[in-house]
N, C-alpha and C. Protein backbone atom coordinates (compact mmCIF):
# COMPACT_ATOMS: atom_id res chain seq x y z
N MET A 1 122.56 85.29 109.89
CA MET A 1 121.20 85.52 109.45
C MET A 1 120.88 84.52 108.37
N ALA A 2 119.65 84.05 108.30
CA ALA A 2 119.19 83.07 107.32
C ALA A 2 119.28 83.71 105.90
N ARG A 3 119.64 82.88 104.95
CA ARG A 3 119.73 83.38 103.58
C ARG A 3 119.53 82.20 102.64
N TYR A 4 118.84 82.43 101.50
CA TYR A 4 118.64 81.37 100.56
C TYR A 4 119.92 81.05 99.84
N THR A 5 120.35 79.77 99.81
CA THR A 5 121.60 79.37 99.21
C THR A 5 121.43 78.35 98.08
N ASP A 6 120.21 77.98 97.73
CA ASP A 6 120.00 77.04 96.67
C ASP A 6 120.05 77.77 95.31
N ALA A 7 119.85 77.07 94.23
CA ALA A 7 119.94 77.65 92.88
C ALA A 7 118.89 78.75 92.72
N ASN A 8 119.39 79.93 92.25
CA ASN A 8 118.46 81.09 92.05
C ASN A 8 117.43 80.83 90.96
N CYS A 9 117.79 80.02 89.96
CA CYS A 9 116.89 79.74 88.86
C CYS A 9 115.61 78.98 89.33
N LYS A 10 115.74 78.24 90.42
CA LYS A 10 114.59 77.57 90.99
C LYS A 10 113.53 78.55 91.47
N LEU A 11 113.97 79.66 91.93
CA LEU A 11 113.04 80.71 92.40
C LEU A 11 112.19 81.25 91.24
N CYS A 12 112.85 81.46 90.11
CA CYS A 12 112.15 81.96 88.93
C CYS A 12 111.15 80.89 88.44
N ARG A 13 111.60 79.68 88.43
CA ARG A 13 110.71 78.59 87.97
C ARG A 13 109.50 78.43 88.91
N ARG A 14 109.73 78.58 90.20
CA ARG A 14 108.63 78.49 91.14
C ARG A 14 107.57 79.53 90.89
N GLU A 15 108.00 80.77 90.54
CA GLU A 15 107.05 81.83 90.30
C GLU A 15 106.62 81.88 88.83
N ARG A 16 107.25 81.09 87.99
CA ARG A 16 106.94 81.04 86.57
C ARG A 16 107.11 82.37 85.87
N THR A 17 108.10 83.14 86.33
CA THR A 17 108.41 84.42 85.68
C THR A 17 109.85 84.78 85.99
N LYS A 18 110.48 85.53 85.13
CA LYS A 18 111.88 85.89 85.35
C LYS A 18 112.01 86.97 86.45
N LEU A 19 112.82 86.67 87.43
CA LEU A 19 113.07 87.60 88.54
C LEU A 19 114.42 88.30 88.37
N PHE A 20 115.12 87.95 87.26
CA PHE A 20 116.44 88.51 86.93
C PHE A 20 117.41 88.45 88.11
N LEU A 21 117.62 87.22 88.53
CA LEU A 21 118.51 86.97 89.68
C LEU A 21 119.92 86.53 89.25
N LYS A 22 120.10 86.24 87.96
CA LYS A 22 121.38 85.70 87.48
C LYS A 22 122.05 86.62 86.45
N GLY A 23 121.75 87.88 86.48
CA GLY A 23 122.46 88.82 85.57
C GLY A 23 122.19 88.57 84.11
N ASP A 24 123.30 88.54 83.33
CA ASP A 24 123.17 88.41 81.90
C ASP A 24 122.53 87.08 81.45
N LYS A 25 122.67 86.04 82.24
CA LYS A 25 122.11 84.72 81.92
C LYS A 25 120.61 84.79 81.69
N CYS A 26 119.99 85.70 82.41
CA CYS A 26 118.50 85.83 82.31
C CYS A 26 118.06 86.29 80.93
N PHE A 27 118.99 86.91 80.17
CA PHE A 27 118.61 87.43 78.84
C PHE A 27 119.05 86.52 77.69
N THR A 28 119.51 85.31 78.06
CA THR A 28 119.96 84.38 77.03
C THR A 28 119.05 83.12 77.03
N ASP A 29 119.31 82.28 76.00
CA ASP A 29 118.51 81.02 75.92
C ASP A 29 119.02 80.01 76.94
N LYS A 30 120.03 80.33 77.72
CA LYS A 30 120.53 79.42 78.75
C LYS A 30 119.67 79.54 80.03
N CYS A 31 118.76 80.51 80.06
CA CYS A 31 117.88 80.65 81.21
C CYS A 31 117.01 79.41 81.29
N PRO A 32 117.00 78.68 82.42
CA PRO A 32 116.17 77.47 82.57
C PRO A 32 114.72 77.71 82.36
N LEU A 33 114.25 78.93 82.60
CA LEU A 33 112.82 79.23 82.43
C LEU A 33 112.38 79.13 80.96
N GLU A 34 113.36 79.28 80.05
CA GLU A 34 113.03 79.22 78.63
C GLU A 34 112.57 77.81 78.22
N LYS A 35 113.15 76.77 78.91
CA LYS A 35 112.88 75.38 78.55
C LYS A 35 111.98 74.70 79.55
N ARG A 36 111.98 75.17 80.79
CA ARG A 36 111.21 74.51 81.83
C ARG A 36 110.36 75.50 82.59
N ASN A 37 109.35 76.04 81.97
CA ASN A 37 108.54 77.06 82.58
C ASN A 37 107.47 76.40 83.47
N TYR A 38 107.92 75.69 84.47
CA TYR A 38 107.04 75.07 85.47
C TYR A 38 107.84 74.92 86.75
N PRO A 39 107.17 74.80 87.91
CA PRO A 39 107.82 74.75 89.21
C PRO A 39 108.81 73.57 89.29
N PRO A 40 109.89 73.71 90.00
CA PRO A 40 110.83 72.58 90.20
C PRO A 40 110.23 71.51 91.03
N GLY A 41 110.82 70.30 90.96
CA GLY A 41 110.34 69.17 91.76
C GLY A 41 109.71 68.13 90.87
N GLN A 42 109.47 66.96 91.50
CA GLN A 42 108.98 65.79 90.79
C GLN A 42 107.63 66.01 90.09
N HIS A 43 106.79 66.83 90.72
CA HIS A 43 105.40 67.01 90.18
C HIS A 43 105.23 68.43 89.63
N GLY A 44 106.33 69.09 89.37
CA GLY A 44 106.20 70.50 88.96
C GLY A 44 105.43 70.68 87.61
N ASN A 45 105.57 69.69 86.73
CA ASN A 45 104.97 69.82 85.40
C ASN A 45 103.60 69.16 85.31
N SER A 46 103.06 68.67 86.44
CA SER A 46 101.73 68.05 86.41
C SER A 46 100.65 69.10 86.54
N ARG A 47 99.43 68.71 86.18
CA ARG A 47 98.33 69.65 86.30
C ARG A 47 97.99 69.96 87.74
N ARG A 48 97.67 71.20 88.01
CA ARG A 48 97.36 71.60 89.35
C ARG A 48 95.97 72.26 89.38
N SER A 49 95.33 72.15 90.50
CA SER A 49 93.98 72.74 90.65
C SER A 49 94.11 74.25 90.74
N ARG A 50 93.01 74.91 90.49
CA ARG A 50 92.99 76.40 90.50
C ARG A 50 93.40 76.91 91.88
N MET A 51 94.26 77.92 91.91
CA MET A 51 94.69 78.48 93.17
C MET A 51 93.61 79.32 93.82
N THR A 52 93.55 79.31 95.12
CA THR A 52 92.64 80.16 95.90
C THR A 52 93.13 81.60 95.86
N ASP A 53 92.26 82.54 96.27
CA ASP A 53 92.65 83.94 96.31
C ASP A 53 93.85 84.13 97.24
N TYR A 54 93.82 83.40 98.36
CA TYR A 54 94.93 83.53 99.30
C TYR A 54 96.22 83.07 98.67
N ALA A 55 96.20 81.97 97.94
CA ALA A 55 97.37 81.43 97.30
C ALA A 55 97.95 82.41 96.29
N VAL A 56 97.09 83.04 95.52
CA VAL A 56 97.51 84.07 94.53
C VAL A 56 98.21 85.22 95.22
N GLN A 57 97.61 85.66 96.32
CA GLN A 57 98.19 86.79 97.08
C GLN A 57 99.54 86.41 97.67
N LEU A 58 99.66 85.18 98.17
CA LEU A 58 100.90 84.70 98.80
C LEU A 58 101.97 84.60 97.76
N ARG A 59 101.64 84.08 96.59
CA ARG A 59 102.66 83.98 95.55
C ARG A 59 103.16 85.32 95.06
N GLU A 60 102.25 86.28 95.11
CA GLU A 60 102.66 87.64 94.69
C GLU A 60 103.67 88.24 95.70
N LYS A 61 103.40 87.99 96.97
CA LYS A 61 104.34 88.45 98.02
C LYS A 61 105.70 87.73 97.88
N GLN A 62 105.62 86.44 97.66
CA GLN A 62 106.88 85.66 97.53
C GLN A 62 107.67 86.14 96.32
N LYS A 63 107.00 86.51 95.27
CA LYS A 63 107.69 87.00 94.05
C LYS A 63 108.46 88.25 94.38
N VAL A 64 107.80 89.17 95.09
CA VAL A 64 108.45 90.47 95.43
C VAL A 64 109.64 90.23 96.36
N LYS A 65 109.45 89.37 97.39
CA LYS A 65 110.51 89.09 98.30
C LYS A 65 111.72 88.48 97.64
N LYS A 66 111.49 87.58 96.71
CA LYS A 66 112.56 86.92 96.02
C LYS A 66 113.31 87.89 95.05
N THR A 67 112.52 88.73 94.44
CA THR A 67 113.13 89.68 93.49
C THR A 67 114.11 90.57 94.20
N TYR A 68 113.74 91.10 95.36
CA TYR A 68 114.59 92.02 96.08
C TYR A 68 115.49 91.30 97.10
N GLY A 69 115.36 90.00 97.27
CA GLY A 69 116.22 89.25 98.19
C GLY A 69 115.99 89.58 99.63
N ILE A 70 114.72 89.62 100.05
CA ILE A 70 114.38 90.03 101.41
C ILE A 70 113.68 88.91 102.13
N LEU A 71 113.95 88.78 103.41
CA LEU A 71 113.28 87.78 104.25
C LEU A 71 111.99 88.36 104.85
N GLU A 72 111.19 87.47 105.40
CA GLU A 72 109.84 87.82 105.86
C GLU A 72 109.82 88.93 106.93
N LYS A 73 110.67 88.78 107.92
CA LYS A 73 110.65 89.77 109.01
C LYS A 73 110.95 91.17 108.57
N GLN A 74 111.91 91.32 107.69
CA GLN A 74 112.29 92.64 107.15
C GLN A 74 111.20 93.14 106.23
N PHE A 75 110.60 92.24 105.44
CA PHE A 75 109.54 92.62 104.53
C PHE A 75 108.34 93.20 105.30
N ARG A 76 108.00 92.58 106.39
CA ARG A 76 106.89 93.06 107.24
C ARG A 76 107.21 94.45 107.78
N LYS A 77 108.43 94.73 108.11
CA LYS A 77 108.81 96.07 108.60
C LYS A 77 108.64 97.07 107.49
N TYR A 78 109.01 96.70 106.30
CA TYR A 78 108.82 97.65 105.16
C TYR A 78 107.32 97.90 104.91
N PHE A 79 106.51 96.87 105.03
CA PHE A 79 105.10 97.01 104.80
C PHE A 79 104.50 97.94 105.90
N ALA A 80 104.94 97.76 107.16
CA ALA A 80 104.45 98.62 108.22
C ALA A 80 104.83 100.06 107.99
N GLU A 81 106.04 100.30 107.50
CA GLU A 81 106.47 101.64 107.22
C GLU A 81 105.64 102.20 106.02
N ALA A 82 105.39 101.44 105.02
CA ALA A 82 104.61 101.88 103.90
C ALA A 82 103.18 102.24 104.30
N THR A 83 102.65 101.55 105.29
CA THR A 83 101.29 101.83 105.79
C THR A 83 101.27 103.14 106.55
N ARG A 84 102.35 103.44 107.29
CA ARG A 84 102.36 104.68 108.07
C ARG A 84 102.53 105.92 107.19
N ARG A 85 103.10 105.77 106.02
CA ARG A 85 103.33 106.94 105.16
C ARG A 85 102.04 107.36 104.49
N ARG A 86 102.02 108.61 104.08
CA ARG A 86 100.89 109.12 103.29
C ARG A 86 100.90 108.51 101.92
N GLY A 87 99.75 108.42 101.32
CA GLY A 87 99.64 107.91 99.93
C GLY A 87 99.21 106.47 99.87
N VAL A 88 99.39 105.86 98.69
CA VAL A 88 98.98 104.51 98.44
C VAL A 88 99.98 103.56 99.02
N THR A 89 99.52 102.65 99.85
CA THR A 89 100.43 101.73 100.57
C THR A 89 101.30 100.91 99.64
N GLY A 90 100.68 100.36 98.57
CA GLY A 90 101.41 99.53 97.61
C GLY A 90 102.53 100.34 96.93
N ASP A 91 102.24 101.56 96.53
CA ASP A 91 103.23 102.42 95.87
C ASP A 91 104.35 102.76 96.87
N ASN A 92 103.99 103.04 98.11
CA ASN A 92 104.99 103.33 99.13
C ASN A 92 105.94 102.12 99.35
N LEU A 93 105.35 100.93 99.34
CA LEU A 93 106.17 99.73 99.54
C LEU A 93 107.22 99.55 98.47
N ILE A 94 106.79 99.69 97.22
CA ILE A 94 107.73 99.59 96.08
C ILE A 94 108.78 100.70 96.17
N GLY A 95 108.38 101.90 96.59
CA GLY A 95 109.32 102.98 96.74
C GLY A 95 110.41 102.67 97.76
N ILE A 96 110.01 102.11 98.89
CA ILE A 96 110.95 101.74 99.91
C ILE A 96 111.92 100.67 99.44
N LEU A 97 111.40 99.66 98.77
CA LEU A 97 112.24 98.58 98.26
C LEU A 97 113.26 99.09 97.27
N GLU A 98 112.81 100.05 96.41
CA GLU A 98 113.74 100.61 95.41
C GLU A 98 114.79 101.52 96.03
N SER A 99 114.57 102.01 97.20
CA SER A 99 115.52 102.92 97.84
C SER A 99 116.64 102.18 98.57
N ARG A 100 116.52 100.84 98.62
CA ARG A 100 117.59 100.07 99.29
C ARG A 100 118.90 100.26 98.51
N LEU A 101 120.03 100.24 99.23
CA LEU A 101 121.33 100.48 98.62
C LEU A 101 121.71 99.38 97.64
N ASP A 102 121.47 98.13 97.99
CA ASP A 102 121.81 97.03 97.06
C ASP A 102 121.02 97.11 95.77
N ASN A 103 119.76 97.47 95.88
CA ASN A 103 118.94 97.63 94.65
C ASN A 103 119.44 98.79 93.84
N THR A 104 119.84 99.88 94.48
CA THR A 104 120.31 101.05 93.69
C THR A 104 121.63 100.76 93.01
N ILE A 105 122.54 100.02 93.65
CA ILE A 105 123.75 99.64 93.00
C ILE A 105 123.45 98.83 91.71
N TYR A 106 122.46 97.91 91.86
CA TYR A 106 122.03 97.12 90.71
C TYR A 106 121.41 98.00 89.59
N ARG A 107 120.56 98.92 89.99
CA ARG A 107 119.88 99.79 89.03
C ARG A 107 120.92 100.69 88.31
N LEU A 108 121.96 101.08 89.00
CA LEU A 108 122.97 101.94 88.39
C LEU A 108 123.88 101.16 87.42
N GLY A 109 123.75 99.84 87.43
CA GLY A 109 124.56 99.00 86.51
C GLY A 109 125.89 98.67 87.08
N LEU A 110 126.17 98.91 88.34
CA LEU A 110 127.47 98.61 88.92
C LEU A 110 127.55 97.15 89.33
N ALA A 111 126.47 96.42 89.28
CA ALA A 111 126.46 94.98 89.57
C ALA A 111 125.43 94.31 88.63
N LEU A 112 125.65 93.05 88.28
CA LEU A 112 124.79 92.33 87.35
C LEU A 112 123.50 91.90 88.02
N SER A 113 123.50 91.79 89.35
CA SER A 113 122.32 91.35 90.05
C SER A 113 122.31 91.99 91.47
N ARG A 114 121.16 91.92 92.14
CA ARG A 114 121.11 92.47 93.49
C ARG A 114 121.98 91.64 94.46
N LYS A 115 122.09 90.39 94.19
CA LYS A 115 122.95 89.52 95.04
C LYS A 115 124.40 89.95 94.90
N ALA A 116 124.82 90.22 93.65
CA ALA A 116 126.21 90.69 93.41
C ALA A 116 126.42 92.05 94.07
N ALA A 117 125.35 92.89 94.03
CA ALA A 117 125.46 94.21 94.66
C ALA A 117 125.64 94.09 96.17
N ARG A 118 124.97 93.13 96.79
CA ARG A 118 125.12 92.93 98.24
C ARG A 118 126.56 92.52 98.56
N GLN A 119 127.18 91.73 97.71
CA GLN A 119 128.55 91.32 97.98
C GLN A 119 129.49 92.53 97.89
N LEU A 120 129.27 93.39 96.94
CA LEU A 120 130.11 94.60 96.77
C LEU A 120 130.00 95.47 98.05
N ILE A 121 128.76 95.60 98.51
CA ILE A 121 128.56 96.45 99.70
C ILE A 121 129.20 95.82 100.96
N LEU A 122 129.01 94.53 101.14
CA LEU A 122 129.56 93.83 102.30
C LEU A 122 131.10 93.87 102.28
N HIS A 123 131.68 93.87 101.08
CA HIS A 123 133.13 93.91 100.95
C HIS A 123 133.67 95.33 101.01
N ARG A 124 132.79 96.30 101.36
CA ARG A 124 133.20 97.69 101.64
C ARG A 124 133.77 98.40 100.40
N HIS A 125 133.19 98.13 99.29
CA HIS A 125 133.63 98.84 98.07
C HIS A 125 132.77 100.11 97.79
N ILE A 126 131.71 100.33 98.58
CA ILE A 126 130.72 101.37 98.29
C ILE A 126 130.74 102.42 99.40
N THR A 127 130.60 103.69 98.98
CA THR A 127 130.45 104.79 99.93
C THR A 127 129.14 105.52 99.61
N VAL A 128 128.56 106.09 100.63
CA VAL A 128 127.33 106.95 100.50
C VAL A 128 127.69 108.29 101.13
N ASN A 129 127.66 109.34 100.36
CA ASN A 129 128.01 110.67 100.84
C ASN A 129 129.41 110.66 101.42
N GLY A 130 130.33 109.92 100.87
CA GLY A 130 131.71 109.93 101.27
C GLY A 130 132.04 108.98 102.42
N LYS A 131 131.05 108.28 102.97
CA LYS A 131 131.28 107.33 104.04
C LYS A 131 131.03 105.91 103.62
N ILE A 132 131.87 104.96 104.04
CA ILE A 132 131.70 103.59 103.72
C ILE A 132 130.42 103.03 104.34
N VAL A 133 129.59 102.41 103.54
CA VAL A 133 128.39 101.76 104.03
C VAL A 133 128.46 100.29 103.67
N ASN A 134 128.36 99.42 104.62
CA ASN A 134 128.43 97.95 104.37
C ASN A 134 127.15 97.25 104.74
N ILE A 135 126.04 97.96 104.67
CA ILE A 135 124.72 97.47 104.99
C ILE A 135 123.87 97.47 103.68
N PRO A 136 123.61 96.29 103.11
CA PRO A 136 122.85 96.25 101.86
C PRO A 136 121.47 96.84 101.96
N SER A 137 120.84 96.79 103.15
CA SER A 137 119.49 97.23 103.32
C SER A 137 119.41 98.71 103.65
N TYR A 138 120.52 99.42 103.65
CA TYR A 138 120.55 100.83 103.89
C TYR A 138 119.61 101.57 102.97
N LEU A 139 118.70 102.36 103.56
CA LEU A 139 117.70 103.10 102.77
C LEU A 139 118.19 104.49 102.41
N LEU A 140 118.27 104.75 101.11
CA LEU A 140 118.75 106.05 100.63
C LEU A 140 117.74 107.14 100.72
N LYS A 141 118.21 108.37 100.78
CA LYS A 141 117.33 109.56 100.81
C LYS A 141 117.66 110.39 99.59
N ALA A 142 116.75 111.26 99.22
CA ALA A 142 116.96 112.10 98.03
C ALA A 142 118.24 112.93 98.16
N GLY A 143 119.05 112.86 97.11
CA GLY A 143 120.32 113.61 97.12
C GLY A 143 121.50 112.81 97.55
N ASP A 144 121.32 111.60 98.03
CA ASP A 144 122.44 110.74 98.46
C ASP A 144 123.28 110.40 97.25
N VAL A 145 124.62 110.48 97.45
CA VAL A 145 125.60 110.15 96.40
C VAL A 145 126.24 108.82 96.69
N ILE A 146 126.08 107.88 95.77
CA ILE A 146 126.71 106.56 95.88
C ILE A 146 127.91 106.50 95.00
N LYS A 147 129.02 106.03 95.57
CA LYS A 147 130.29 106.04 94.82
C LYS A 147 131.14 104.81 95.12
N ILE A 148 131.92 104.39 94.12
CA ILE A 148 132.90 103.33 94.32
C ILE A 148 134.12 103.93 95.06
N ARG A 149 134.56 103.23 96.06
CA ARG A 149 135.74 103.68 96.83
C ARG A 149 136.93 103.92 95.91
N GLU A 150 137.74 104.91 96.19
CA GLU A 150 138.90 105.19 95.34
C GLU A 150 139.79 104.00 95.18
N ARG A 151 140.06 103.25 96.24
CA ARG A 151 140.96 102.12 96.19
C ARG A 151 140.34 100.95 95.46
N SER A 152 139.01 100.99 95.18
CA SER A 152 138.32 99.91 94.52
C SER A 152 138.08 100.20 93.06
N LYS A 153 138.36 101.41 92.60
CA LYS A 153 138.07 101.78 91.23
C LYS A 153 138.94 100.99 90.19
N LYS A 154 140.04 100.47 90.65
CA LYS A 154 140.91 99.74 89.70
C LYS A 154 140.44 98.32 89.43
N ILE A 155 139.43 97.91 90.18
CA ILE A 155 138.86 96.56 89.99
C ILE A 155 138.18 96.47 88.63
N GLU A 156 138.52 95.48 87.87
CA GLU A 156 138.09 95.39 86.47
C GLU A 156 136.55 95.29 86.37
N VAL A 157 135.90 94.64 87.30
CA VAL A 157 134.46 94.42 87.22
C VAL A 157 133.67 95.73 87.11
N PHE A 158 134.18 96.79 87.76
CA PHE A 158 133.55 98.09 87.72
C PHE A 158 133.69 98.75 86.36
N HIS A 159 134.88 98.59 85.75
CA HIS A 159 135.13 99.20 84.41
C HIS A 159 134.24 98.47 83.39
N GLU A 160 134.09 97.17 83.52
CA GLU A 160 133.23 96.41 82.61
C GLU A 160 131.78 96.81 82.76
N ALA A 161 131.40 97.08 84.01
CA ALA A 161 130.02 97.54 84.28
C ALA A 161 129.70 98.87 83.62
N MET A 162 130.66 99.81 83.68
CA MET A 162 130.49 101.12 83.09
C MET A 162 130.36 101.01 81.57
N LYS A 163 131.09 100.08 80.97
CA LYS A 163 131.03 99.92 79.55
C LYS A 163 129.67 99.35 79.12
N ARG A 164 129.15 98.46 79.99
CA ARG A 164 127.92 97.75 79.66
C ARG A 164 126.66 98.64 79.87
N MET A 165 126.77 99.60 80.77
CA MET A 165 125.64 100.44 81.11
C MET A 165 125.38 101.54 80.07
N LYS A 166 124.23 101.52 79.46
CA LYS A 166 123.84 102.50 78.49
C LYS A 166 122.96 103.58 79.08
N ASP A 167 122.99 104.78 78.55
CA ASP A 167 122.22 105.89 79.08
C ASP A 167 120.72 105.56 79.13
N ASN A 168 120.21 104.87 78.11
CA ASN A 168 118.78 104.58 78.07
C ASN A 168 118.36 103.48 79.04
N MET A 169 119.31 102.86 79.70
CA MET A 169 119.02 101.84 80.71
C MET A 169 118.85 102.44 82.09
N LEU A 170 119.24 103.70 82.24
CA LEU A 170 119.22 104.31 83.58
C LEU A 170 117.81 104.71 84.02
N MET A 171 117.45 104.39 85.26
CA MET A 171 116.14 104.70 85.81
C MET A 171 116.00 106.25 86.02
N PRO A 172 114.78 106.78 85.84
CA PRO A 172 114.65 108.25 85.88
C PRO A 172 114.85 108.86 87.30
N TRP A 173 114.89 108.07 88.33
CA TRP A 173 115.12 108.62 89.66
C TRP A 173 116.60 108.54 90.07
N LEU A 174 117.46 108.18 89.09
CA LEU A 174 118.89 108.04 89.36
C LEU A 174 119.67 108.84 88.32
N SER A 175 120.86 109.28 88.70
CA SER A 175 121.79 109.86 87.77
C SER A 175 123.11 109.14 87.92
N LEU A 176 123.88 109.03 86.84
CA LEU A 176 125.13 108.29 86.81
C LEU A 176 126.23 109.07 86.22
N ASP A 177 127.39 109.12 86.91
CA ASP A 177 128.61 109.75 86.42
C ASP A 177 129.64 108.62 86.15
N LYS A 178 129.70 108.21 84.90
CA LYS A 178 130.60 107.04 84.60
C LYS A 178 132.01 107.38 84.87
N ALA A 179 132.46 108.61 84.55
CA ALA A 179 133.85 108.96 84.71
C ALA A 179 134.33 108.82 86.14
N ASN A 180 133.46 109.19 87.08
CA ASN A 180 133.81 109.14 88.50
C ASN A 180 133.26 107.90 89.19
N MET A 181 132.60 107.02 88.43
CA MET A 181 132.00 105.83 88.98
C MET A 181 131.12 106.17 90.21
N SER A 182 130.21 107.07 89.98
CA SER A 182 129.30 107.46 91.09
C SER A 182 127.85 107.71 90.52
N GLY A 183 126.94 107.66 91.43
CA GLY A 183 125.56 107.88 91.06
C GLY A 183 124.85 108.63 92.14
N THR A 184 123.73 109.23 91.80
CA THR A 184 122.93 110.00 92.80
C THR A 184 121.52 109.49 92.82
N TYR A 185 121.02 109.28 94.00
CA TYR A 185 119.60 108.90 94.23
C TYR A 185 118.82 110.20 94.29
N LEU A 186 118.18 110.53 93.17
CA LEU A 186 117.53 111.86 93.08
C LEU A 186 116.26 111.98 93.90
N ASN A 187 115.44 110.96 93.91
CA ASN A 187 114.20 111.01 94.64
C ASN A 187 113.57 109.61 94.65
N GLU A 188 112.56 109.42 95.54
CA GLU A 188 111.89 108.14 95.57
C GLU A 188 111.06 108.00 94.28
N PRO A 189 111.14 106.89 93.60
CA PRO A 189 110.52 106.75 92.27
C PRO A 189 109.00 106.75 92.31
N ASP A 190 108.38 107.21 91.24
CA ASP A 190 106.98 107.01 91.03
C ASP A 190 106.73 105.56 90.66
N ARG A 191 105.63 105.03 91.10
CA ARG A 191 105.34 103.60 90.82
C ARG A 191 105.31 103.31 89.34
N ALA A 192 104.83 104.22 88.53
CA ALA A 192 104.76 103.97 87.10
C ALA A 192 106.15 103.88 86.42
N ASP A 193 107.16 104.42 87.06
CA ASP A 193 108.53 104.37 86.51
C ASP A 193 109.28 103.11 86.84
N VAL A 194 108.75 102.33 87.79
CA VAL A 194 109.50 101.11 88.26
C VAL A 194 109.15 99.93 87.35
N PRO A 195 110.19 99.39 86.65
CA PRO A 195 109.96 98.24 85.76
C PRO A 195 109.81 96.93 86.58
N PHE A 196 108.69 96.85 87.26
CA PHE A 196 108.45 95.70 88.14
C PHE A 196 107.18 94.97 87.69
N ILE A 197 107.33 93.69 87.45
CA ILE A 197 106.16 92.86 86.99
C ILE A 197 105.50 92.30 88.26
N GLY A 198 104.42 92.87 88.67
CA GLY A 198 103.77 92.35 89.89
C GLY A 198 102.55 93.20 90.22
N ASN A 199 101.83 92.79 91.22
CA ASN A 199 100.62 93.46 91.65
C ASN A 199 100.73 93.67 93.14
N GLU A 200 101.30 94.78 93.56
CA GLU A 200 101.48 95.05 94.99
C GLU A 200 100.18 95.16 95.74
N GLN A 201 99.09 95.44 95.04
CA GLN A 201 97.80 95.55 95.72
C GLN A 201 97.39 94.19 96.33
N LEU A 202 97.78 93.10 95.70
CA LEU A 202 97.52 91.79 96.27
C LEU A 202 98.24 91.58 97.59
N ILE A 203 99.40 92.17 97.70
CA ILE A 203 100.22 92.07 98.92
C ILE A 203 99.53 92.87 100.03
N VAL A 204 99.02 94.03 99.66
CA VAL A 204 98.26 94.86 100.65
C VAL A 204 97.05 94.09 101.15
N GLU A 205 96.33 93.44 100.24
CA GLU A 205 95.17 92.65 100.65
C GLU A 205 95.54 91.47 101.56
N LEU A 206 96.71 90.84 101.24
CA LEU A 206 97.16 89.73 102.06
C LEU A 206 97.43 90.16 103.50
N TYR A 207 98.16 91.24 103.66
CA TYR A 207 98.55 91.72 105.01
C TYR A 207 97.37 92.40 105.74
N SER A 208 96.35 92.73 104.99
CA SER A 208 95.21 93.47 105.60
C SER A 208 94.18 92.53 106.17
N LYS A 209 94.37 91.20 106.03
CA LYS A 209 93.40 90.24 106.55
C LYS A 209 93.47 90.11 108.03
C-alpha cells in the first residue's frame, strides 16, 4: 500500500502548522517549523497570491489527512460513514478518526507519535479485548480494552512511556491503567474535547461540491 516516506517535518512546513508527527521533537526548538515557517522547496519563502476558497478547503483536508496518517481512499470512506451517521458530519468525522486504534495508542501515551503507534500494532504488541489486533485502522467501540501483550511488557519503550504519561494529559474519553499497561476506550469523544487545530466544516464543504 502507498505510504509517505519523505521527511515528516516537510508536511508540517507545507501546512505551516505543527502536526506533531515527530513526538518529543515537536516540543523543542529543534522543530524545523520554529526556524522555517514556510513551505519546503525553492520558492517556499517567496510571496504567494491569495488562495482561493477551494485551495483553503483542500489544504484543510490535507492537514487532517497528514495529522492522522490517512490516504485519500480511506479518508473518503470515513467521510461517507460520517455523512450516514446522525448528527453533524464534521463532528462525526473527527469522532471516527479519533476511534482508530493507532490514534488511541498515541492518545494513551504508549507511543510518541501515530506513526510509532502503527509500528507497535503491526508488530503485534497490542491486544483489543484480549485478542491481538495488527490493523492500525481498526475502529474501536465504547468499552473496548486496549492492552500491551504480556510478552511485550518487558520492552523498555513501554515503561518509559508510562513514566512520561501524566494524568492531566489523558483525554476524557479514555482511561489508563499504568500498572497493567492497558487503557479503555470509554466512548466516542465530543468534538469540543478533541485537541485538534482545524476546521472540519471546510472539509464538509469541499466534499459537498
